[in-house]
Amino acid sequence: MIAQHTLPQPFVSVITGSTAGIGRATALALATAGSDIILNSRHAGPKADIALAAVEAQGANAIYLPADVSDASAIPGFVEQAWTWQGRVDLWVNNAGADILSGAHWNLPFESKLERLLQTDLRGTVYCGQQINERMQTQGNGHIINIGWDQAEVGSVSSQSGQLFSLVKGGIMAYTRALAQAAAPNVRVNCVAPGWIETRWGETVSSAFYESTRQQIPLRRWGTPQDIAHTVIWLASPAASYLTGQTIRVNGGAAS
């Protein structure tokens, strides 16, 4: 059962990259909490159809809008469609991220991995953040939540992927603080920084790595996408109305 917090009504949420993983879990949780939902990914397809049906099964009004957030030219139309649907957007979650860990992506050259992360994770967050803040300022209120990484600012994962994620997610976390200053007092901007989460990549690691990592987490378990979703709901609710410019690390107490 998803933990619920009271959301003002009506309430409209946009979650980028929301047809799988953390994004899908967040959309489902927000739907359960009473939000109308705009789902998003780069391309329409079976995953989008399944995610939309799952959200609607929670009783939420929902639509799916395809848009590649790494493409600056695609953002204005995406934002316009989002606002046109219900006339407002109360929460925008910048969750879309490039996959550099699973399948063939793991073998991409260093430069290609870096460019994918810069385009989707960092530039996509900034492209959306600027335009969403302008819209929400005109609207008079709103909340932006970005997705970071709990290890980004300490660099404790020194692998090639760890270096890249530290660079990109650390940039997102710094951008969150700066945008929050610019957006206040009408618009709040916060960041959720997941630790070791059982996403698609987490399900593919060796049992030895999984167990070794689990033993290093004080709460002795990997996180789930639902753990991130719970945090997003709380941040979006009036219970967290005095928080802006903050990074909430959801990592079971792991050192960061």
C-alpha atoms as a PDB file:
ATOM      1  CA  MET A   1       0.000   0.000   0.000  1.00  0.00           C
ATOM      2  CA  ILE A   2       1.345   3.431  -0.956  1.00  0.00           C
ATOM      3  CA  ALA A   3       1.646   5.821   1.970  1.00  0.00           C
ATOM      4  CA  GLN A   4      -0.628   8.765   1.271  1.00  0.00           C
ATOM      5  CA  HIS A   5      -0.396  12.447   2.052  1.00  0.00           C
ATOM      6  CA  THR A   6      -3.156  14.913   1.376  1.00  0.00           C
ATOM      7  CA  LEU A   7      -2.670  16.813  -1.875  1.00  0.00           C
ATOM      8  CA  PRO A   8      -4.655  19.984  -2.609  1.00  0.00           C
ATOM      9  CA  GLN A   9      -7.451  19.452  -5.104  1.00  0.00           C
ATOM     10  CA  PRO A  10      -7.339  19.743  -8.027  1.00  0.00           C
ATOM     11  CA  PHE A  11      -3.713  18.643  -8.423  1.00  0.00           C
ATOM     12  CA  VAL A  12      -1.881  17.881 -11.670  1.00  0.00           C
ATOM     13  CA  SER A  13       1.509  16.160 -11.850  1.00  0.00           C
ATOM     14  CA  VAL A  14       3.911  15.666 -14.755  1.00  0.00           C
ATOM     15  CA  ILE A  15       6.554  12.951 -14.407  1.00  0.00           C
ATOM     16  CA  THR A  16       9.114  12.721 -17.201  1.00  0.00           C
ATOM     17  CA  GLY A  17      10.450   9.276 -18.031  1.00  0.00           C
ATOM     18  CA  SER A  18       7.479   7.674 -16.314  1.00  0.00           C
ATOM     19  CA  THR A  19       6.726   4.481 -18.237  1.00  0.00           C
ATOM     20  CA  ALA A  20       9.054   2.318 -16.124  1.00  0.00           C
ATOM     21  CA  GLY A  21      11.096   2.202 -12.938  1.00  0.00           C
ATOM     22  CA  ILE A  22      11.127   5.097 -10.494  1.00  0.00           C
ATOM     23  CA  GLY A  23       9.074   7.309 -12.803  1.00  0.00           C
ATOM     24  CA  ARG A  24       6.271   4.785 -13.166  1.00  0.00           C
ATOM     25  CA  ALA A  25       6.206   4.093  -9.421  1.00  0.00           C
ATOM     26  CA  THR A  26       6.027   7.819  -8.757  1.00  0.00           C
ATOM     27  CA  ALA A  27       3.155   8.280 -11.198  1.00  0.00           C
ATOM     28  CA  LEU A  28       1.218   5.434  -9.575  1.00  0.00           C
ATOM     29  CA  ALA A  29       1.832   6.790  -6.080  1.00  0.00           C
ATOM     30  CA  LEU A  30       0.719  10.294  -7.018  1.00  0.00           C
ATOM     31  CA  ALA A  31      -2.374   8.877  -8.716  1.00  0.00           C
ATOM     32  CA  THR A  32      -3.222   6.964  -5.544  1.00  0.00           C
ATOM     33  CA  ALA A  33      -2.800  10.192  -3.556  1.00  0.00           C
ATOM     34  CA  GLY A  34      -5.364  11.955  -5.751  1.00  0.00           C
ATOM     35  CA  SER A  35      -3.311  13.662  -8.445  1.00  0.00           C
ATOM     36  CA  ASP A  36      -4.166  13.780 -12.131  1.00  0.00           C
ATOM     37  CA  ILE A  37      -1.187  12.440 -14.047  1.00  0.00           C
ATOM     38  CA  ILE A  38       0.698  13.311 -17.235  1.00  0.00           C
ATOM     39  CA  LEU A  39       2.991  10.449 -18.208  1.00  0.00           C
ATOM     40  CA  ASN A  40       5.938  10.940 -20.519  1.00  0.00           C
ATOM     41  CA  SER A  41       8.697   9.143 -22.386  1.00  0.00           C
ATOM     42  CA  ARG A  42      10.512   9.705 -25.646  1.00  0.00           C
ATOM     43  CA  HIS A  43       8.289   7.490 -27.785  1.00  0.00           C
ATOM     44  CA  ALA A  44       4.812   6.017 -27.535  1.00  0.00           C
ATOM     45  CA  GLY A  45       4.598   2.235 -27.385  1.00  0.00           C
ATOM     46  CA  PRO A  46       3.449  -0.760 -25.326  1.00  0.00           C
ATOM     47  CA  LYS A  47       5.213   0.402 -22.129  1.00  0.00           C
ATOM     48  CA  ALA A  48       3.430   3.742 -22.331  1.00  0.00           C
ATOM     49  CA  ASP A  49       0.078   2.031 -22.882  1.00  0.00           C
ATOM     50  CA  ILE A  50       0.612  -0.292 -19.908  1.00  0.00           C
ATOM     51  CA  ALA A  51       1.722   2.550 -17.629  1.00  0.00           C
ATOM     52  CA  LEU A  52      -1.263   4.685 -18.625  1.00  0.00           C
ATOM     53  CA  ALA A  53      -3.687   1.840 -17.931  1.00  0.00           C
ATOM     54  CA  ALA A  54      -2.085   1.208 -14.533  1.00  0.00           C
ATOM     55  CA  VAL A  55      -2.417   4.868 -13.528  1.00  0.00           C
ATOM     56  CA  GLU A  56      -6.021   5.040 -14.702  1.00  0.00           C
ATOM     57  CA  ALA A  57      -6.735   1.888 -12.674  1.00  0.00           C
ATOM     58  CA  GLN A  58      -5.969   3.972  -9.573  1.00  0.00           C
ATOM     59  CA  GLY A  59      -8.922   6.188 -10.471  1.00  0.00           C
ATOM     60  CA  ALA A  60      -6.824   9.088 -11.757  1.00  0.00           C
ATOM     61  CA  ASN A  61      -7.408  11.180 -14.843  1.00  0.00           C
ATOM     62  CA  ALA A  62      -4.314  10.623 -16.962  1.00  0.00           C
ATOM     63  CA  ILE A  63      -2.794  11.236 -20.369  1.00  0.00           C
ATOM     64  CA  TYR A  64       0.463  10.297 -22.040  1.00  0.00           C
ATOM     65  CA  LEU A  65       2.562  12.898 -23.868  1.00  0.00           C
ATOM     66  CA  PRO A  66       5.607  11.713 -25.843  1.00  0.00           C
ATOM     67  CA  ALA A  67       8.559  14.117 -25.829  1.00  0.00           C
ATOM     68  CA  ASP A  68      12.338  13.801 -25.829  1.00  0.00           C
ATOM     69  CA  VAL A  69      13.463  16.132 -23.041  1.00  0.00           C
ATOM     70  CA  SER A  70      17.066  15.993 -24.282  1.00  0.00           C
ATOM     71  CA  ASP A  71      15.901  17.985 -27.326  1.00  0.00           C
ATOM     72  CA  ALA A  72      15.536  21.657 -26.390  1.00  0.00           C
ATOM     73  CA  SER A  73      13.275  22.272 -29.381  1.00  0.00           C
ATOM     74  CA  ALA A  74      10.773  19.675 -28.108  1.00  0.00           C
ATOM     75  CA  ILE A  75      10.280  21.270 -24.689  1.00  0.00           C
ATOM     76  CA  PRO A  76       8.050  24.268 -25.556  1.00  0.00           C
ATOM     77  CA  GLY A  77       5.440  22.083 -27.262  1.00  0.00           C
ATOM     78  CA  PHE A  78       5.559  19.523 -24.467  1.00  0.00           C
ATOM     79  CA  VAL A  79       5.069  22.206 -21.817  1.00  0.00           C
ATOM     80  CA  GLU A  80       2.246  23.829 -23.769  1.00  0.00           C
ATOM     81  CA  GLN A  81       0.427  20.492 -24.085  1.00  0.00           C
ATOM     82  CA  ALA A  82       0.881  19.795 -20.386  1.00  0.00           C
ATOM     83  CA  TRP A  83      -0.620  23.118 -19.333  1.00  0.00           C
ATOM     84  CA  THR A  84      -3.411  22.977 -21.877  1.00  0.00           C
ATOM     85  CA  TRP A  85      -4.739  19.646 -20.561  1.00  0.00           C
ATOM     86  CA  GLN A  86      -6.103  20.908 -17.209  1.00  0.00           C
ATOM     87  CA  GLY A  87      -5.074  24.546 -17.370  1.00  0.00           C
ATOM     88  CA  ARG A  88      -2.381  24.115 -14.716  1.00  0.00           C
ATOM     89  CA  VAL A  89       0.483  21.929 -13.493  1.00  0.00           C
ATOM     90  CA  ASP A  90       1.133  21.749  -9.746  1.00  0.00           C
ATOM     91  CA  LEU A  91       4.086  19.338  -9.693  1.00  0.00           C
ATOM     92  CA  TRP A  92       6.734  18.647 -12.312  1.00  0.00           C
ATOM     93  CA  VAL A  93       9.146  15.768 -11.632  1.00  0.00           C
ATOM     94  CA  ASN A  94      12.298  15.775 -13.785  1.00  0.00           C
ATOM     95  CA  ASN A  95      12.905  12.033 -13.678  1.00  0.00           C
ATOM     96  CA  ALA A  96      13.926  11.183 -17.265  1.00  0.00           C
ATOM     97  CA  GLY A  97      17.429   9.736 -17.420  1.00  0.00           C
ATOM     98  CA  ALA A  98      19.710   8.103 -19.959  1.00  0.00           C
ATOM     99  CA  ASP A  99      20.479   4.406 -19.620  1.00  0.00           C
ATOM    100  CA  ILE A 100      24.237   3.767 -19.720  1.00  0.00           C
ATOM    101  CA  LEU A 101      24.276   0.636 -17.556  1.00  0.00           C
ATOM    102  CA  SER A 102      22.091  -2.067 -19.073  1.00  0.00           C
ATOM    103  CA  GLY A 103      22.384  -4.153 -22.228  1.00  0.00           C
ATOM    104  CA  ALA A 104      24.388  -2.721 -25.116  1.00  0.00           C
ATOM    105  CA  HIS A 105      24.577   0.680 -23.397  1.00  0.00           C
ATOM    106  CA  TRP A 106      27.126  -0.758 -20.946  1.00  0.00           C
ATOM    107  CA  ASN A 107      29.630  -1.143 -23.799  1.00  0.00           C
ATOM    108  CA  LEU A 108      29.277   2.360 -25.224  1.00  0.00           C
ATOM    109  CA  PRO A 109      32.464   4.471 -25.363  1.00  0.00           C
ATOM    110  CA  PHE A 110      33.090   6.819 -22.434  1.00  0.00           C
ATOM    111  CA  GLU A 111      32.364   9.881 -24.579  1.00  0.00           C
ATOM    112  CA  SER A 112      29.026   8.462 -25.752  1.00  0.00           C
ATOM    113  CA  LYS A 113      27.937   7.682 -22.204  1.00  0.00           C
ATOM    114  CA  LEU A 114      28.890  11.167 -21.074  1.00  0.00           C
ATOM    115  CA  GLU A 115      26.972  12.806 -23.914  1.00  0.00           C
ATOM    116  CA  ARG A 116      23.860  10.712 -23.241  1.00  0.00           C
ATOM    117  CA  LEU A 117      23.844  11.703 -19.572  1.00  0.00           C
ATOM    118  CA  LEU A 118      24.551  15.359 -20.285  1.00  0.00           C
ATOM    119  CA  GLN A 119      21.799  15.572 -22.888  1.00  0.00           C
ATOM    120  CA  THR A 120      19.015  13.763 -21.048  1.00  0.00           C
ATOM    121  CA  ASP A 121      19.722  14.026 -17.335  1.00  0.00           C
ATOM    122  CA  LEU A 122      21.415  17.408 -17.030  1.00  0.00           C
ATOM    123  CA  ARG A 123      20.297  19.455 -20.029  1.00  0.00           C
ATOM    124  CA  GLY A 124      16.828  17.895 -19.970  1.00  0.00           C
ATOM    125  CA  THR A 125      16.405  18.939 -16.344  1.00  0.00           C
ATOM    126  CA  VAL A 126      17.623  22.463 -17.092  1.00  0.00           C
ATOM    127  CA  TYR A 127      15.564  22.835 -20.294  1.00  0.00           C
ATOM    128  CA  CYS A 128      12.420  21.820 -18.432  1.00  0.00           C
ATOM    129  CA  GLY A 129      13.298  23.654 -15.236  1.00  0.00           C
ATOM    130  CA  GLN A 130      13.597  27.052 -16.866  1.00  0.00           C
ATOM    131  CA  GLN A 131      10.331  26.849 -18.753  1.00  0.00           C
ATOM    132  CA  ILE A 132       8.403  25.194 -15.936  1.00  0.00           C
ATOM    133  CA  ASN A 133       9.501  27.864 -13.475  1.00  0.00           C
ATOM    134  CA  GLU A 134       8.303  30.605 -15.846  1.00  0.00           C
ATOM    135  CA  ARG A 135       4.916  28.915 -16.242  1.00  0.00           C
ATOM    136  CA  MET A 136       4.514  28.303 -12.523  1.00  0.00           C
ATOM    137  CA  GLN A 137       5.467  31.894 -11.711  1.00  0.00           C
ATOM    138  CA  THR A 138       2.673  33.069 -13.987  1.00  0.00           C
ATOM    139  CA  GLN A 139       0.365  30.501 -12.410  1.00  0.00           C
ATOM    140  CA  GLY A 140       1.332  31.791  -8.963  1.00  0.00           C
ATOM    141  CA  ASN A 141       2.573  28.532  -7.420  1.00  0.00           C
ATOM    142  CA  GLY A 142       4.021  25.124  -8.119  1.00  0.00           C
ATOM    143  CA  HIS A 143       6.727  22.647  -7.215  1.00  0.00           C
ATOM    144  CA  ILE A 144       9.615  21.186  -9.231  1.00  0.00           C
ATOM    145  CA  ILE A 145      11.370  18.006  -8.076  1.00  0.00           C
ATOM    146  CA  ASN A 146      14.631  16.896  -9.694  1.00  0.00           C
ATOM    147  CA  ILE A 147      16.276  13.487  -9.363  1.00  0.00           C
ATOM    148  CA  GLY A 148      19.875  13.364  -8.173  1.00  0.00           C
ATOM    149  CA  TRP A 149      22.101  10.620  -6.711  1.00  0.00           C
ATOM    150  CA  ASP A 150      23.089  10.173  -3.091  1.00  0.00           C
ATOM    151  CA  GLN A 151      26.776   9.586  -3.935  1.00  0.00           C
ATOM    152  CA  ALA A 152      27.185  12.453  -6.408  1.00  0.00           C
ATOM    153  CA  GLU A 153      28.786  14.963  -4.063  1.00  0.00           C
ATOM    154  CA  VAL A 154      31.115  12.524  -2.281  1.00  0.00           C
ATOM    155  CA  GLY A 155      32.421  10.556  -5.278  1.00  0.00           C
ATOM    156  CA  SER A 156      32.610   7.299  -3.343  1.00  0.00           C
ATOM    157  CA  VAL A 157      31.786   5.205  -6.439  1.00  0.00           C
ATOM    158  CA  SER A 158      34.977   5.599  -8.472  1.00  0.00           C
ATOM    159  CA  SER A 159      34.097   3.393 -11.461  1.00  0.00           C
ATOM    160  CA  GLN A 160      33.730   4.995 -14.881  1.00  0.00           C
ATOM    161  CA  SER A 161      29.958   5.071 -14.473  1.00  0.00           C
ATOM    162  CA  GLY A 162      30.328   6.451 -10.961  1.00  0.00           C
ATOM    163  CA  GLN A 163      32.473   9.303 -12.270  1.00  0.00           C
ATOM    164  CA  LEU A 164      29.906  10.164 -14.935  1.00  0.00           C
ATOM    165  CA  PHE A 165      26.921  10.003 -12.600  1.00  0.00           C
ATOM    166  CA  SER A 166      28.785  12.091 -10.006  1.00  0.00           C
ATOM    167  CA  LEU A 167      29.412  14.792 -12.601  1.00  0.00           C
ATOM    168  CA  VAL A 168      25.889  14.889 -14.006  1.00  0.00           C
ATOM    169  CA  LYS A 169      23.793  14.262 -10.903  1.00  0.00           C
ATOM    170  CA  GLY A 170      26.004  16.591  -8.859  1.00  0.00           C
ATOM    171  CA  GLY A 171      25.225  19.280 -11.420  1.00  0.00           C
ATOM    172  CA  ILE A 172      21.505  18.623 -11.047  1.00  0.00           C
ATOM    173  CA  MET A 173      21.738  18.899  -7.262  1.00  0.00           C
ATOM    174  CA  ALA A 174      23.619  22.204  -7.498  1.00  0.00           C
ATOM    175  CA  TYR A 175      21.159  23.484 -10.101  1.00  0.00           C
ATOM    176  CA  THR A 176      18.289  22.603  -7.755  1.00  0.00           C
ATOM    177  CA  ARG A 177      19.681  24.903  -5.073  1.00  0.00           C
ATOM    178  CA  ALA A 178      20.227  27.768  -7.504  1.00  0.00           C
ATOM    179  CA  LEU A 179      16.834  27.446  -9.192  1.00  0.00           C
ATOM    180  CA  ALA A 180      15.125  27.300  -5.799  1.00  0.00           C
ATOM    181  CA  GLN A 181      16.598  30.691  -4.941  1.00  0.00           C
ATOM    182  CA  ALA A 182      15.395  32.165  -8.226  1.00  0.00           C
ATOM    183  CA  ALA A 183      11.943  30.562  -8.023  1.00  0.00           C
ATOM    184  CA  ALA A 184      11.064  31.524  -4.440  1.00  0.00           C
ATOM    185  CA  PRO A 185       8.698  32.434  -2.903  1.00  0.00           C
ATOM    186  CA  ASN A 186       6.007  31.230  -5.300  1.00  0.00           C
ATOM    187  CA  VAL A 187       7.627  28.035  -6.566  1.00  0.00           C
ATOM    188  CA  ARG A 188       9.441  25.383  -4.566  1.00  0.00           C
ATOM    189  CA  VAL A 189      12.323  23.361  -6.064  1.00  0.00           C
ATOM    190  CA  ASN A 190      13.746  20.268  -4.381  1.00  0.00           C
ATOM    191  CA  CYS A 191      15.771  17.192  -5.264  1.00  0.00           C
ATOM    192  CA  VAL A 192      15.386  13.528  -4.368  1.00  0.00           C
ATOM    193  CA  ALA A 193      18.674  11.600  -4.411  1.00  0.00           C
ATOM    194  CA  PRO A 194      18.204   7.803  -4.549  1.00  0.00           C
ATOM    195  CA  GLY A 195      20.789   5.399  -3.202  1.00  0.00           C
ATOM    196  CA  TRP A 196      20.980   1.746  -4.250  1.00  0.00           C
ATOM    197  CA  ILE A 197      17.573   1.077  -5.796  1.00  0.00           C
ATOM    198  CA  GLU A 198      16.199  -2.118  -7.333  1.00  0.00           C
ATOM    199  CA  THR A 199      15.623  -0.703 -10.803  1.00  0.00           C
ATOM    200  CA  ARG A 200      16.168  -2.700 -13.982  1.00  0.00           C
ATOM    201  CA  TRP A 201      19.948  -2.403 -13.537  1.00  0.00           C
ATOM    202  CA  GLY A 202      19.753  -3.377  -9.867  1.00  0.00           C
ATOM    203  CA  GLU A 203      18.008  -6.582 -10.853  1.00  0.00           C
ATOM    204  CA  THR A 204      20.911  -7.593 -13.117  1.00  0.00           C
ATOM    205  CA  VAL A 205      23.841  -7.309 -10.673  1.00  0.00           C
ATOM    206  CA  SER A 206      25.535 -10.417  -9.340  1.00  0.00           C
ATOM    207  CA  SER A 207      24.255 -11.945  -6.120  1.00  0.00           C
ATOM    208  CA  ALA A 208      27.654 -11.287  -4.523  1.00  0.00           C
ATOM    209  CA  PHE A 209      27.533  -7.569  -5.373  1.00  0.00           C
ATOM    210  CA  TYR A 210      23.909  -7.323  -4.295  1.00  0.00           C
ATOM    211  CA  GLU A 211      24.616  -8.891  -0.912  1.00  0.00           C
ATOM    212  CA  SER A 212      27.838  -6.952  -0.319  1.00  0.00           C
ATOM    213  CA  THR A 213      26.017  -3.697  -1.034  1.00  0.00           C
ATOM    214  CA  ARG A 214      23.075  -4.695   1.159  1.00  0.00           C
ATOM    215  CA  GLN A 215      25.402  -5.317   4.091  1.00  0.00           C
ATOM    216  CA  GLN A 216      26.821  -1.790   3.764  1.00  0.00           C
ATOM    217  CA  ILE A 217      23.371  -0.175   4.047  1.00  0.00           C
ATOM    218  CA  PRO A 218      22.400   0.467   7.674  1.00  0.00           C
ATOM    219  CA  LEU A 219      18.774  -0.570   7.043  1.00  0.00           C
ATOM    220  CA  ARG A 220      20.101  -3.770   5.422  1.00  0.00           C
ATOM    221  CA  ARG A 221      18.088  -3.644   2.227  1.00  0.00           C
ATOM    222  CA  TRP A 222      18.183  -2.112  -1.213  1.00  0.00           C
ATOM    223  CA  GLY A 223      15.609   0.564  -1.831  1.00  0.00           C
ATOM    224  CA  THR A 224      12.650   0.181  -4.158  1.00  0.00           C
ATOM    225  CA  PRO A 225      11.143   2.608  -6.667  1.00  0.00           C
ATOM    226  CA  GLN A 226       8.233   2.918  -4.242  1.00  0.00           C
ATOM    227  CA  ASP A 227      10.600   4.309  -1.580  1.00  0.00           C
ATOM    228  CA  ILE A 228      11.435   7.159  -3.935  1.00  0.00           C
ATOM    229  CA  ALA A 229       7.770   7.632  -4.795  1.00  0.00           C
ATOM    230  CA  HIS A 230       6.846   7.957  -1.111  1.00  0.00           C
ATOM    231  CA  THR A 231       9.385  10.755  -0.721  1.00  0.00           C
ATOM    232  CA  VAL A 232       8.094  12.604  -3.783  1.00  0.00           C
ATOM    233  CA  ILE A 233       4.528  12.485  -2.446  1.00  0.00           C
ATOM    234  CA  TRP A 234       5.626  13.855   0.924  1.00  0.00           C
ATOM    235  CA  LEU A 235       7.621  16.672  -0.694  1.00  0.00           C
ATOM    236  CA  ALA A 236       4.644  17.529  -2.914  1.00  0.00           C
ATOM    237  CA  SER A 237       2.235  17.663   0.011  1.00  0.00           C
ATOM    238  CA  PRO A 238       1.556  20.619   2.339  1.00  0.00           C
ATOM    239  CA  ALA A 239       3.453  18.669   5.025  1.00  0.00           C
ATOM    240  CA  ALA A 240       6.699  19.760   3.313  1.00  0.00           C
ATOM    241  CA  SER A 241       5.611  23.278   2.361  1.00  0.00           C
ATOM    242  CA  TYR A 242       8.558  24.914   4.173  1.00  0.00           C
ATOM    243  CA  LEU A 243      11.183  22.982   2.202  1.00  0.00           C
ATOM    244  CA  THR A 244      12.875  24.355  -0.905  1.00  0.00           C
ATOM    245  CA  GLY A 245      16.390  24.055  -2.298  1.00  0.00           C
ATOM    246  CA  GLN A 246      16.898  20.774  -0.431  1.00  0.00           C
ATOM    247  CA  THR A 247      18.244  17.386  -1.474  1.00  0.00           C
ATOM    248  CA  ILE A 248      16.566  14.462   0.282  1.00  0.00           C
ATOM    249  CA  ARG A 249      18.758  11.362   0.214  1.00  0.00           C
ATOM    250  CA  VAL A 250      16.720   8.166   0.120  1.00  0.00           C
ATOM    251  CA  ASN A 251      19.384   5.580   0.780  1.00  0.00           C
ATOM    252  CA  GLY A 252      18.650   3.521   3.902  1.00  0.00           C
ATOM    253  CA  GLY A 253      21.162   5.514   5.936  1.00  0.00           C
ATOM    254  CA  ALA A 254      24.174   4.800   3.725  1.00  0.00           C
ATOM    255  CA  ALA A 255      27.121   7.166   4.160  1.00  0.00           C
ATOM    256  CA  SER A 256      26.964  10.068   1.703  1.00  0.00           C
END
